[in-house]
């Protein structure tokens, strides 16, 4: 039996960028389905101090000011 372990940083952001290359090099966050919290953040979004689990209503101004894709 062969085992493999893959550690993918920002998986959901990376997956979105595979299907939409226009998102590359842009700040990107993926929001949760029910409560709109940031569940994945690109390196660019992390640099803008978007915290993991931050609800959209708290980061809305930052998202709009910096053009962060959601």
Protein backbone atom coordinates (compact mmCIF):
# COMPACT_ATOMS: atom_id res chain seq x y z
CA UNK A 1 0.00 0.00 0.00
CA UNK A 2 1.29 3.46 -0.90
CA UNK A 3 0.45 6.56 1.08
CA UNK A 4 0.76 10.15 -0.01
CA UNK A 5 0.34 13.38 1.84
CA UNK A 6 -0.26 16.66 0.07
CA UNK A 7 -0.26 19.93 1.95
CA UNK A 8 -1.80 22.65 -0.18
CA UNK A 9 -1.65 26.17 1.17
CA UNK A 10 -4.84 28.18 0.61
CA UNK A 11 -6.45 25.23 -1.17
CA UNK A 12 -9.78 26.82 -2.02
CA UNK A 13 -8.10 29.98 -3.32
CA UNK A 14 -5.70 27.89 -5.38
CA UNK A 15 -8.56 25.83 -6.80
CA UNK A 16 -10.48 28.98 -7.79
CA UNK A 17 -7.40 30.33 -9.53
CA UNK A 18 -7.03 27.14 -11.59
CA UNK A 19 -10.49 27.65 -13.08
CA UNK A 20 -10.26 31.46 -13.35
CA UNK A 21 -6.73 32.62 -14.17
CA UNK A 22 -7.84 36.28 -13.93
CA UNK A 23 -7.76 35.80 -10.13
CA UNK A 24 -4.02 35.17 -10.09
CA UNK A 25 -1.92 37.85 -8.38
CA UNK A 26 -5.08 39.48 -6.98
CA UNK A 27 -6.14 39.35 -3.34
CA UNK A 28 -8.74 36.60 -2.98
CA UNK A 29 -10.83 35.21 -0.15
CA UNK A 30 -13.30 32.36 -0.16
CA UNK A 31 -16.31 32.80 2.10
CA UNK A 32 -18.19 30.11 3.97
CA UNK A 33 -21.62 29.13 2.74
CA UNK A 34 -23.83 29.84 5.75
CA UNK A 35 -22.33 32.74 7.64
CA UNK A 36 -20.03 34.48 5.13
CA UNK A 37 -16.75 34.06 7.00
CA UNK A 38 -13.34 33.99 5.31
CA UNK A 39 -12.36 30.31 5.18
CA UNK A 40 -9.48 30.65 2.70
CA UNK A 41 -7.22 33.61 2.02
CA UNK A 42 -4.60 34.11 -0.65
CA UNK A 43 -1.17 35.38 0.33
CA UNK A 44 -2.17 38.81 -0.99
CA UNK A 45 -5.26 38.88 1.24
CA UNK A 46 -3.22 37.74 4.24
CA UNK A 47 -0.84 40.65 3.61
CA UNK A 48 -3.86 42.96 3.91
CA UNK A 49 -4.48 41.51 7.40
CA UNK A 50 -7.64 39.54 6.57
CA UNK A 51 -7.94 37.05 9.44
CA UNK A 52 -9.10 33.45 9.11
CA UNK A 53 -12.77 33.22 10.06
CA UNK A 54 -13.36 36.97 9.81
CA UNK A 55 -17.03 37.64 8.99
CA UNK A 56 -17.69 39.63 5.84
CA UNK A 57 -19.56 42.36 7.69
CA UNK A 58 -16.37 43.16 9.62
CA UNK A 59 -14.02 43.19 6.61
CA UNK A 60 -16.35 44.70 4.00
CA UNK A 61 -14.53 48.08 3.96
CA UNK A 62 -11.12 46.44 3.49
CA UNK A 63 -12.51 44.21 0.75
CA UNK A 64 -13.94 47.18 -1.15
CA UNK A 65 -10.94 49.48 -0.58
CA UNK A 66 -8.40 46.95 -1.87
CA UNK A 67 -10.53 45.24 -4.52
CA UNK A 68 -10.36 41.84 -2.85
CA UNK A 69 -12.19 39.19 -4.85
CA UNK A 70 -14.66 37.04 -2.93
